Amino acid sequence: AQLGADVASANWHATALLVAKLAGDALFVDMGSTTTDIIAIKNGAVANDGYTDAGRLLTGELVYTGFTRTFLFGVASSAPVNGRLTPLMNEYFASIADAHRILGVLDEDDDRHPPADGKEKTVDGSIARLARMVGRDATDLTPPEWGEVARWFSEQQLRKVHDAASLVAGTLPRDVPIVGAGIGRW
Protein backbone atom coordinates (compact mmCIF):
# COMPACT_ATOMS: atom_id res chain seq x y z
CA ALA A 1 0.00 0.00 0.00
CA GLN A 2 2.86 2.43 0.77
CA LEU A 3 4.46 1.87 -2.64
CA GLY A 4 1.19 2.84 -4.32
CA ALA A 5 0.99 6.03 -2.25
CA ASP A 6 4.62 6.87 -3.04
CA VAL A 7 4.07 6.41 -6.77
CA ALA A 8 0.81 8.37 -6.79
CA SER A 9 2.35 11.35 -5.02
CA ALA A 10 5.47 11.30 -7.23
CA ASN A 11 3.91 11.48 -10.70
CA TRP A 12 5.38 15.00 -11.01
CA HIS A 13 8.87 13.51 -11.05
CA ALA A 14 8.42 11.61 -14.33
CA THR A 15 7.36 14.75 -16.19
CA ALA A 16 10.15 16.76 -14.57
CA LEU A 17 12.67 14.13 -15.74
CA LEU A 18 11.50 14.57 -19.33
CA VAL A 19 11.79 18.36 -19.05
CA ALA A 20 15.29 17.97 -17.57
CA LYS A 21 16.34 15.78 -20.48
CA LEU A 22 14.98 18.23 -23.07
CA ALA A 23 15.66 21.62 -21.48
CA GLY A 24 18.87 21.30 -19.48
CA ASP A 25 18.09 24.24 -17.18
CA ALA A 26 14.54 25.48 -16.61
CA LEU A 27 11.79 26.28 -14.19
CA PHE A 28 9.08 23.68 -14.79
CA VAL A 29 5.51 24.70 -13.91
CA ASP A 30 2.73 22.13 -14.34
CA MET A 31 -0.79 23.21 -13.36
CA GLY A 32 -3.45 20.54 -13.27
CA SER A 33 -7.05 20.63 -12.12
CA THR A 34 -6.17 20.54 -8.41
CA THR A 35 -2.48 21.31 -7.85
CA THR A 36 0.50 23.03 -9.41
CA ASP A 37 3.99 21.50 -9.45
CA ILE A 38 6.95 23.88 -9.66
CA ILE A 39 10.32 22.20 -10.16
CA ALA A 40 13.82 23.55 -10.67
CA ILE A 41 15.77 21.84 -13.45
CA LYS A 42 19.57 22.27 -13.26
CA ASN A 43 22.19 20.85 -15.59
CA GLY A 44 19.74 18.38 -17.09
CA ALA A 45 18.63 17.02 -13.70
CA VAL A 46 15.59 17.45 -11.50
CA ALA A 47 16.73 19.66 -8.61
CA ASN A 48 13.83 19.33 -6.20
CA ASP A 49 14.23 20.04 -2.49
CA GLY A 50 11.12 18.15 -1.39
CA TYR A 51 9.91 14.72 -2.37
CA THR A 52 6.78 14.01 -0.34
CA ASP A 53 3.71 16.20 -0.57
CA ALA A 54 4.53 17.62 2.87
CA GLY A 55 8.11 18.40 1.89
CA ARG A 56 7.10 19.90 -1.45
CA LEU A 57 4.45 22.09 0.18
CA LEU A 58 7.15 23.51 2.46
CA THR A 59 9.53 24.29 -0.41
CA GLY A 60 6.97 25.83 -2.79
CA GLU A 61 7.33 22.92 -5.22
CA LEU A 62 3.71 21.90 -4.63
CA VAL A 63 1.03 24.57 -4.60
CA TYR A 64 -2.42 23.34 -3.73
CA THR A 65 -4.18 25.36 -6.40
CA GLY A 66 -5.36 24.07 -9.75
CA PHE A 67 -7.10 25.49 -12.79
CA THR A 68 -10.56 24.00 -12.20
CA ARG A 69 -11.17 22.29 -8.86
CA THR A 70 -9.84 24.89 -6.44
CA PHE A 71 -12.40 26.26 -4.01
CA LEU A 72 -12.51 30.07 -4.30
CA PHE A 73 -11.91 30.52 -0.57
CA GLY A 74 -8.60 28.74 -1.16
CA VAL A 75 -7.57 31.57 -3.48
CA ALA A 76 -8.77 34.59 -1.48
CA SER A 77 -10.90 35.30 1.57
CA SER A 78 -12.42 38.45 0.07
CA ALA A 79 -12.96 40.10 -3.31
CA PRO A 80 -13.60 43.65 -4.51
CA VAL A 81 -17.26 44.15 -5.38
CA ASN A 82 -18.50 47.62 -6.33
CA GLY A 83 -15.29 49.14 -5.00
CA ARG A 84 -15.48 47.47 -1.59
CA LEU A 85 -13.45 44.53 -0.40
CA THR A 86 -16.16 42.01 0.41
CA PRO A 87 -15.58 38.93 2.60
CA LEU A 88 -16.47 35.64 0.94
CA MET A 89 -18.90 33.09 2.25
CA ASN A 90 -16.81 30.16 3.42
CA GLU A 91 -18.94 27.65 1.55
CA TYR A 92 -18.40 25.62 -1.59
CA PHE A 93 -20.62 27.72 -3.82
CA ALA A 94 -18.13 28.18 -6.68
CA SER A 95 -14.74 27.03 -7.89
CA ILE A 96 -11.93 28.71 -9.77
CA ALA A 97 -13.32 27.05 -12.93
CA ASP A 98 -16.21 29.50 -12.68
CA ALA A 99 -13.84 32.48 -12.66
CA HIS A 100 -11.85 31.09 -15.58
CA ARG A 101 -15.05 30.33 -17.52
CA ILE A 102 -16.29 33.92 -17.03
CA LEU A 103 -12.94 35.19 -18.30
CA GLY A 104 -13.08 32.91 -21.35
CA VAL A 105 -9.79 31.14 -20.62
CA LEU A 106 -11.19 27.73 -19.64
CA ASP A 107 -11.22 24.98 -22.24
CA GLU A 108 -14.40 23.11 -21.33
CA ASP A 109 -12.68 19.78 -22.06
CA ASP A 110 -10.41 20.52 -19.09
CA ASP A 111 -13.33 20.99 -16.67
CA ARG A 112 -14.27 17.40 -15.92
CA HIS A 113 -16.00 17.93 -12.59
CA PRO A 114 -19.53 19.11 -11.85
CA PRO A 115 -19.98 22.70 -10.69
CA ALA A 116 -20.62 23.38 -7.00
CA ASP A 117 -24.37 23.70 -7.47
CA GLY A 118 -24.64 20.84 -9.96
CA LYS A 119 -26.13 23.19 -12.55
CA GLU A 120 -24.98 24.21 -16.01
CA LYS A 121 -21.41 25.01 -16.96
CA THR A 122 -22.13 28.29 -18.72
CA VAL A 123 -20.96 31.86 -18.18
CA ASP A 124 -24.38 32.71 -16.71
CA GLY A 125 -24.21 29.70 -14.39
CA SER A 126 -20.70 30.67 -13.32
CA ILE A 127 -21.76 34.26 -12.65
CA ALA A 128 -24.62 33.00 -10.45
CA ARG A 129 -22.20 30.82 -8.46
CA LEU A 130 -19.64 33.61 -8.14
CA ALA A 131 -22.35 36.03 -6.99
CA ARG A 132 -23.39 33.64 -4.26
CA MET A 133 -19.83 33.64 -2.88
CA VAL A 134 -20.23 37.36 -2.06
CA GLY A 135 -23.86 37.13 -0.91
CA ARG A 136 -25.34 38.57 -4.06
CA ASP A 137 -27.53 37.68 -6.99
CA ALA A 138 -26.19 37.55 -10.54
CA THR A 139 -28.35 40.56 -11.47
CA ASP A 140 -26.70 42.79 -8.83
CA LEU A 141 -23.82 43.54 -11.24
CA THR A 142 -23.39 43.60 -15.00
CA PRO A 143 -21.56 40.73 -16.72
CA PRO A 144 -18.46 42.95 -17.24
CA GLU A 145 -18.49 43.81 -13.51
CA TRP A 146 -18.67 40.11 -12.65
CA GLY A 147 -15.78 39.68 -15.07
CA GLU A 148 -13.73 42.03 -12.89
CA VAL A 149 -14.56 39.96 -9.81
CA ALA A 150 -13.57 36.81 -11.71
CA ARG A 151 -10.33 38.50 -12.79
CA TRP A 152 -9.56 39.23 -9.12
CA PHE A 153 -9.75 35.53 -8.27
CA SER A 154 -7.69 34.55 -11.30
CA GLU A 155 -5.02 37.11 -10.39
CA GLN A 156 -4.96 35.97 -6.76
CA GLN A 157 -4.44 32.40 -7.92
CA LEU A 158 -1.69 33.45 -10.30
CA ARG A 159 -0.05 35.39 -7.45
CA LYS A 160 0.07 32.23 -5.32
CA VAL A 161 1.77 30.35 -8.15
CA HIS A 162 4.12 33.27 -8.82
CA ASP A 163 5.16 33.49 -5.16
CA ALA A 164 5.93 29.77 -5.00
CA ALA A 165 7.77 29.93 -8.33
CA SER A 166 9.91 32.75 -6.95
CA LEU A 167 10.94 30.52 -4.05
CA VAL A 168 11.84 27.61 -6.30
CA ALA A 169 13.53 29.77 -8.94
CA GLY A 170 15.80 31.33 -6.34
CA THR A 171 18.32 28.55 -6.93
CA LEU A 172 18.35 28.99 -10.73
CA PRO A 173 20.08 31.50 -13.00
CA ARG A 174 17.78 34.44 -13.82
CA ASP A 175 17.62 33.70 -17.55
CA VAL A 176 16.39 30.09 -17.48
CA PRO A 177 13.29 29.37 -19.54
CA ILE A 178 9.96 28.61 -17.91
CA VAL A 179 8.51 25.36 -19.23
CA GLY A 180 4.75 25.17 -18.78
CA ALA A 181 2.54 22.10 -18.84
CA GLY A 182 -0.94 21.11 -17.79
CA ILE A 183 -4.28 22.84 -18.18
CA GLY A 184 -3.51 26.15 -16.47
CA ARG A 185 -3.16 29.15 -18.77
CA TRP A 186 -3.56 32.89 -18.55
C-alpha atoms as a PDB file:
ATOM      1  CA  ALA A   1       0.000   0.000   0.000  1.00  0.00           C
ATOM      2  CA  GLN A   2       2.858   2.427   0.768  1.00  0.00           C
ATOM      3  CA  LEU A   3       4.462   1.873  -2.645  1.00  0.00           C
ATOM      4  CA  GLY A   4       1.193   2.842  -4.321  1.00  0.00           C
ATOM      5  CA  ALA A   5       0.989   6.028  -2.250  1.00  0.00           C
ATOM      6  CA  ASP A   6       4.615   6.875  -3.044  1.00  0.00           C
ATOM      7  CA  VAL A   7       4.069   6.411  -6.773  1.00  0.00           C
ATOM      8  CA  ALA A   8       0.811   8.372  -6.788  1.00  0.00           C
ATOM      9  CA  SER A   9       2.351  11.354  -5.024  1.00  0.00           C
ATOM     10  CA  ALA A  10       5.471  11.302  -7.228  1.00  0.00           C
ATOM     11  CA  ASN A  11       3.914  11.482 -10.701  1.00  0.00           C
ATOM     12  CA  TRP A  12       5.382  15.002 -11.010  1.00  0.00           C
ATOM     13  CA  HIS A  13       8.870  13.505 -11.049  1.00  0.00           C
ATOM     14  CA  ALA A  14       8.420  11.612 -14.329  1.00  0.00           C
ATOM     15  CA  THR A  15       7.362  14.746 -16.193  1.00  0.00           C
ATOM     16  CA  ALA A  16      10.151  16.764 -14.574  1.00  0.00           C
ATOM     17  CA  LEU A  17      12.675  14.132 -15.738  1.00  0.00           C
ATOM     18  CA  LEU A  18      11.499  14.571 -19.326  1.00  0.00           C
ATOM     19  CA  VAL A  19      11.794  18.359 -19.045  1.00  0.00           C
ATOM     20  CA  ALA A  20      15.286  17.967 -17.568  1.00  0.00           C
ATOM     21  CA  LYS A  21      16.340  15.784 -20.481  1.00  0.00           C
ATOM     22  CA  LEU A  22      14.980  18.226 -23.065  1.00  0.00           C
ATOM     23  CA  ALA A  23      15.656  21.616 -21.476  1.00  0.00           C
ATOM     24  CA  GLY A  24      18.866  21.302 -19.483  1.00  0.00           C
ATOM     25  CA  ASP A  25      18.091  24.242 -17.183  1.00  0.00           C
ATOM     26  CA  ALA A  26      14.542  25.476 -16.613  1.00  0.00           C
ATOM     27  CA  LEU A  27      11.794  26.282 -14.193  1.00  0.00           C
ATOM     28  CA  PHE A  28       9.080  23.680 -14.795  1.00  0.00           C
ATOM     29  CA  VAL A  29       5.507  24.697 -13.905  1.00  0.00           C
ATOM     30  CA  ASP A  30       2.728  22.128 -14.343  1.00  0.00           C
ATOM     31  CA  MET A  31      -0.789  23.211 -13.356  1.00  0.00           C
ATOM     32  CA  GLY A  32      -3.448  20.539 -13.269  1.00  0.00           C
ATOM     33  CA  SER A  33      -7.049  20.631 -12.117  1.00  0.00           C
ATOM     34  CA  THR A  34      -6.171  20.545  -8.412  1.00  0.00           C
ATOM     35  CA  THR A  35      -2.484  21.312  -7.846  1.00  0.00           C
ATOM     36  CA  THR A  36       0.503  23.030  -9.408  1.00  0.00           C
ATOM     37  CA  ASP A  37       3.993  21.498  -9.455  1.00  0.00           C
ATOM     38  CA  ILE A  38       6.946  23.883  -9.664  1.00  0.00           C
ATOM     39  CA  ILE A  39      10.316  22.202 -10.162  1.00  0.00           C
ATOM     40  CA  ALA A  40      13.822  23.547 -10.668  1.00  0.00           C
ATOM     41  CA  ILE A  41      15.773  21.840 -13.451  1.00  0.00           C
ATOM     42  CA  LYS A  42      19.569  22.268 -13.258  1.00  0.00           C
ATOM     43  CA  ASN A  43      22.192  20.848 -15.590  1.00  0.00           C
ATOM     44  CA  GLY A  44      19.738  18.377 -17.086  1.00  0.00           C
ATOM     45  CA  ALA A  45      18.632  17.015 -13.701  1.00  0.00           C
ATOM     46  CA  VAL A  46      15.586  17.448 -11.496  1.00  0.00           C
ATOM     47  CA  ALA A  47      16.729  19.659  -8.606  1.00  0.00           C
ATOM     48  CA  ASN A  48      13.828  19.333  -6.204  1.00  0.00           C
ATOM     49  CA  ASP A  49      14.232  20.039  -2.494  1.00  0.00           C
ATOM     50  CA  GLY A  50      11.124  18.151  -1.387  1.00  0.00           C
ATOM     51  CA  TYR A  51       9.909  14.724  -2.374  1.00  0.00           C
ATOM     52  CA  THR A  52       6.784  14.008  -0.338  1.00  0.00           C
ATOM     53  CA  ASP A  53       3.712  16.198  -0.571  1.00  0.00           C
ATOM     54  CA  ALA A  54       4.533  17.622   2.872  1.00  0.00           C
ATOM     55  CA  GLY A  55       8.106  18.399   1.887  1.00  0.00           C
ATOM     56  CA  ARG A  56       7.104  19.898  -1.446  1.00  0.00           C
ATOM     57  CA  LEU A  57       4.448  22.090   0.177  1.00  0.00           C
ATOM     58  CA  LEU A  58       7.145  23.512   2.460  1.00  0.00           C
ATOM     59  CA  THR A  59       9.532  24.288  -0.412  1.00  0.00           C
ATOM     60  CA  GLY A  60       6.971  25.826  -2.786  1.00  0.00           C
ATOM     61  CA  GLU A  61       7.333  22.924  -5.217  1.00  0.00           C
ATOM     62  CA  LEU A  62       3.710  21.900  -4.631  1.00  0.00           C
ATOM     63  CA  VAL A  63       1.031  24.568  -4.597  1.00  0.00           C
ATOM     64  CA  TYR A  64      -2.423  23.343  -3.731  1.00  0.00           C
ATOM     65  CA  THR A  65      -4.184  25.357  -6.397  1.00  0.00           C
ATOM     66  CA  GLY A  66      -5.361  24.067  -9.752  1.00  0.00           C
ATOM     67  CA  PHE A  67      -7.099  25.494 -12.790  1.00  0.00           C
ATOM     68  CA  THR A  68     -10.556  24.004 -12.198  1.00  0.00           C
ATOM     69  CA  ARG A  69     -11.172  22.286  -8.859  1.00  0.00           C
ATOM     70  CA  THR A  70      -9.836  24.888  -6.442  1.00  0.00           C
ATOM     71  CA  PHE A  71     -12.400  26.258  -4.008  1.00  0.00           C
ATOM     72  CA  LEU A  72     -12.512  30.071  -4.299  1.00  0.00           C
ATOM     73  CA  PHE A  73     -11.912  30.517  -0.574  1.00  0.00           C
ATOM     74  CA  GLY A  74      -8.600  28.735  -1.159  1.00  0.00           C
ATOM     75  CA  VAL A  75      -7.570  31.566  -3.483  1.00  0.00           C
ATOM     76  CA  ALA A  76      -8.768  34.594  -1.478  1.00  0.00           C
ATOM     77  CA  SER A  77     -10.903  35.304   1.568  1.00  0.00           C
ATOM     78  CA  SER A  78     -12.419  38.455   0.070  1.00  0.00           C
ATOM     79  CA  ALA A  79     -12.961  40.103  -3.305  1.00  0.00           C
ATOM     80  CA  PRO A  80     -13.595  43.654  -4.514  1.00  0.00           C
ATOM     81  CA  VAL A  81     -17.262  44.146  -5.377  1.00  0.00           C
ATOM     82  CA  ASN A  82     -18.499  47.618  -6.327  1.00  0.00           C
ATOM     83  CA  GLY A  83     -15.292  49.138  -5.002  1.00  0.00           C
ATOM     84  CA  ARG A  84     -15.476  47.470  -1.592  1.00  0.00           C
ATOM     85  CA  LEU A  85     -13.448  44.530  -0.398  1.00  0.00           C
ATOM     86  CA  THR A  86     -16.161  42.009   0.411  1.00  0.00           C
ATOM     87  CA  PRO A  87     -15.581  38.928   2.603  1.00  0.00           C
ATOM     88  CA  LEU A  88     -16.466  35.639   0.943  1.00  0.00           C
ATOM     89  CA  MET A  89     -18.900  33.094   2.249  1.00  0.00           C
ATOM     90  CA  ASN A  90     -16.807  30.158   3.421  1.00  0.00           C
ATOM     91  CA  GLU A  91     -18.936  27.652   1.548  1.00  0.00           C
ATOM     92  CA  TYR A  92     -18.395  25.620  -1.594  1.00  0.00           C
ATOM     93  CA  PHE A  93     -20.623  27.721  -3.819  1.00  0.00           C
ATOM     94  CA  ALA A  94     -18.128  28.181  -6.676  1.00  0.00           C
ATOM     95  CA  SER A  95     -14.737  27.033  -7.891  1.00  0.00           C
ATOM     96  CA  ILE A  96     -11.926  28.714  -9.772  1.00  0.00           C
ATOM     97  CA  ALA A  97     -13.315  27.051 -12.927  1.00  0.00           C
ATOM     98  CA  ASP A  98     -16.213  29.501 -12.681  1.00  0.00           C
ATOM     99  CA  ALA A  99     -13.841  32.483 -12.657  1.00  0.00           C
ATOM    100  CA  HIS A 100     -11.855  31.095 -15.580  1.00  0.00           C
ATOM    101  CA  ARG A 101     -15.054  30.332 -17.518  1.00  0.00           C
ATOM    102  CA  ILE A 102     -16.294  33.917 -17.033  1.00  0.00           C
ATOM    103  CA  LEU A 103     -12.935  35.194 -18.298  1.00  0.00           C
ATOM    104  CA  GLY A 104     -13.083  32.913 -21.350  1.00  0.00           C
ATOM    105  CA  VAL A 105      -9.792  31.136 -20.619  1.00  0.00           C
ATOM    106  CA  LEU A 106     -11.194  27.733 -19.639  1.00  0.00           C
ATOM    107  CA  ASP A 107     -11.224  24.979 -22.237  1.00  0.00           C
ATOM    108  CA  GLU A 108     -14.398  23.106 -21.326  1.00  0.00           C
ATOM    109  CA  ASP A 109     -12.684  19.777 -22.060  1.00  0.00           C
ATOM    110  CA  ASP A 110     -10.413  20.519 -19.086  1.00  0.00           C
ATOM    111  CA  ASP A 111     -13.329  20.986 -16.672  1.00  0.00           C
ATOM    112  CA  ARG A 112     -14.271  17.396 -15.920  1.00  0.00           C
ATOM    113  CA  HIS A 113     -15.998  17.927 -12.587  1.00  0.00           C
ATOM    114  CA  PRO A 114     -19.533  19.112 -11.851  1.00  0.00           C
ATOM    115  CA  PRO A 115     -19.982  22.703 -10.688  1.00  0.00           C
ATOM    116  CA  ALA A 116     -20.620  23.378  -7.002  1.00  0.00           C
ATOM    117  CA  ASP A 117     -24.374  23.701  -7.468  1.00  0.00           C
ATOM    118  CA  GLY A 118     -24.644  20.836  -9.956  1.00  0.00           C
ATOM    119  CA  LYS A 119     -26.128  23.188 -12.552  1.00  0.00           C
ATOM    120  CA  GLU A 120     -24.981  24.213 -16.008  1.00  0.00           C
ATOM    121  CA  LYS A 121     -21.408  25.012 -16.964  1.00  0.00           C
ATOM    122  CA  THR A 122     -22.126  28.293 -18.716  1.00  0.00           C
ATOM    123  CA  VAL A 123     -20.961  31.857 -18.175  1.00  0.00           C
ATOM    124  CA  ASP A 124     -24.380  32.710 -16.711  1.00  0.00           C
ATOM    125  CA  GLY A 125     -24.208  29.702 -14.386  1.00  0.00           C
ATOM    126  CA  SER A 126     -20.702  30.670 -13.324  1.00  0.00           C
ATOM    127  CA  ILE A 127     -21.763  34.262 -12.646  1.00  0.00           C
ATOM    128  CA  ALA A 128     -24.616  32.998 -10.446  1.00  0.00           C
ATOM    129  CA  ARG A 129     -22.205  30.818  -8.462  1.00  0.00           C
ATOM    130  CA  LEU A 130     -19.636  33.609  -8.139  1.00  0.00           C
ATOM    131  CA  ALA A 131     -22.351  36.031  -6.988  1.00  0.00           C
ATOM    132  CA  ARG A 132     -23.393  33.637  -4.264  1.00  0.00           C
ATOM    133  CA  MET A 133     -19.829  33.643  -2.878  1.00  0.00           C
ATOM    134  CA  VAL A 134     -20.233  37.361  -2.064  1.00  0.00           C
ATOM    135  CA  GLY A 135     -23.856  37.126  -0.906  1.00  0.00           C
ATOM    136  CA  ARG A 136     -25.343  38.574  -4.062  1.00  0.00           C
ATOM    137  CA  ASP A 137     -27.533  37.681  -6.995  1.00  0.00           C
ATOM    138  CA  ALA A 138     -26.192  37.553 -10.538  1.00  0.00           C
ATOM    139  CA  THR A 139     -28.347  40.565 -11.471  1.00  0.00           C
ATOM    140  CA  ASP A 140     -26.703  42.791  -8.833  1.00  0.00           C
ATOM    141  CA  LEU A 141     -23.819  43.540 -11.236  1.00  0.00           C
ATOM    142  CA  THR A 142     -23.392  43.596 -14.997  1.00  0.00           C
ATOM    143  CA  PRO A 143     -21.562  40.731 -16.724  1.00  0.00           C
ATOM    144  CA  PRO A 144     -18.460  42.947 -17.236  1.00  0.00           C
ATOM    145  CA  GLU A 145     -18.493  43.808 -13.512  1.00  0.00           C
ATOM    146  CA  TRP A 146     -18.669  40.109 -12.648  1.00  0.00           C
ATOM    147  CA  GLY A 147     -15.785  39.683 -15.070  1.00  0.00           C
ATOM    148  CA  GLU A 148     -13.731  42.034 -12.895  1.00  0.00           C
ATOM    149  CA  VAL A 149     -14.562  39.959  -9.805  1.00  0.00           C
ATOM    150  CA  ALA A 150     -13.569  36.810 -11.709  1.00  0.00           C
ATOM    151  CA  ARG A 151     -10.329  38.502 -12.790  1.00  0.00           C
ATOM    152  CA  TRP A 152      -9.557  39.231  -9.120  1.00  0.00           C
ATOM    153  CA  PHE A 153      -9.751  35.535  -8.274  1.00  0.00           C
ATOM    154  CA  SER A 154      -7.689  34.551 -11.297  1.00  0.00           C
ATOM    155  CA  GLU A 155      -5.023  37.111 -10.394  1.00  0.00           C
ATOM    156  CA  GLN A 156      -4.964  35.970  -6.765  1.00  0.00           C
ATOM    157  CA  GLN A 157      -4.437  32.396  -7.921  1.00  0.00           C
ATOM    158  CA  LEU A 158      -1.686  33.454 -10.300  1.00  0.00           C
ATOM    159  CA  ARG A 159      -0.047  35.392  -7.454  1.00  0.00           C
ATOM    160  CA  LYS A 160       0.075  32.227  -5.322  1.00  0.00           C
ATOM    161  CA  VAL A 161       1.771  30.346  -8.149  1.00  0.00           C
ATOM    162  CA  HIS A 162       4.119  33.266  -8.818  1.00  0.00           C
ATOM    163  CA  ASP A 163       5.161  33.491  -5.159  1.00  0.00           C
ATOM    164  CA  ALA A 164       5.930  29.773  -5.002  1.00  0.00           C
ATOM    165  CA  ALA A 165       7.773  29.928  -8.332  1.00  0.00           C
ATOM    166  CA  SER A 166       9.912  32.751  -6.952  1.00  0.00           C
ATOM    167  CA  LEU A 167      10.941  30.520  -4.050  1.00  0.00           C
ATOM    168  CA  VAL A 168      11.839  27.609  -6.304  1.00  0.00           C
ATOM    169  CA  ALA A 169      13.531  29.772  -8.943  1.00  0.00           C
ATOM    170  CA  GLY A 170      15.803  31.330  -6.338  1.00  0.00           C
ATOM    171  CA  THR A 171      18.322  28.553  -6.933  1.00  0.00           C
ATOM    172  CA  LEU A 172      18.351  28.991 -10.731  1.00  0.00           C
ATOM    173  CA  PRO A 173      20.077  31.505 -13.003  1.00  0.00           C
ATOM    174  CA  ARG A 174      17.782  34.441 -13.817  1.00  0.00           C
ATOM    175  CA  ASP A 175      17.622  33.702 -17.546  1.00  0.00           C
ATOM    176  CA  VAL A 176      16.391  30.090 -17.481  1.00  0.00           C
ATOM    177  CA  PRO A 177      13.286  29.372 -19.541  1.00  0.00           C
ATOM    178  CA  ILE A 178       9.964  28.605 -17.911  1.00  0.00           C
ATOM    179  CA  VAL A 179       8.511  25.362 -19.234  1.00  0.00           C
ATOM    180  CA  GLY A 180       4.753  25.170 -18.783  1.00  0.00           C
ATOM    181  CA  ALA A 181       2.543  22.095 -18.842  1.00  0.00           C
ATOM    182  CA  GLY A 182      -0.943  21.109 -17.785  1.00  0.00           C
ATOM    183  CA  ILE A 183      -4.275  22.838 -18.185  1.00  0.00           C
ATOM    184  CA  GLY A 184      -3.515  26.155 -16.474  1.00  0.00           C
ATOM    185  CA  ARG A 185      -3.156  29.152 -18.767  1.00  0.00           C
ATOM    186  CA  TRP A 186      -3.560  32.894 -18.550  1.00  0.00           C
END
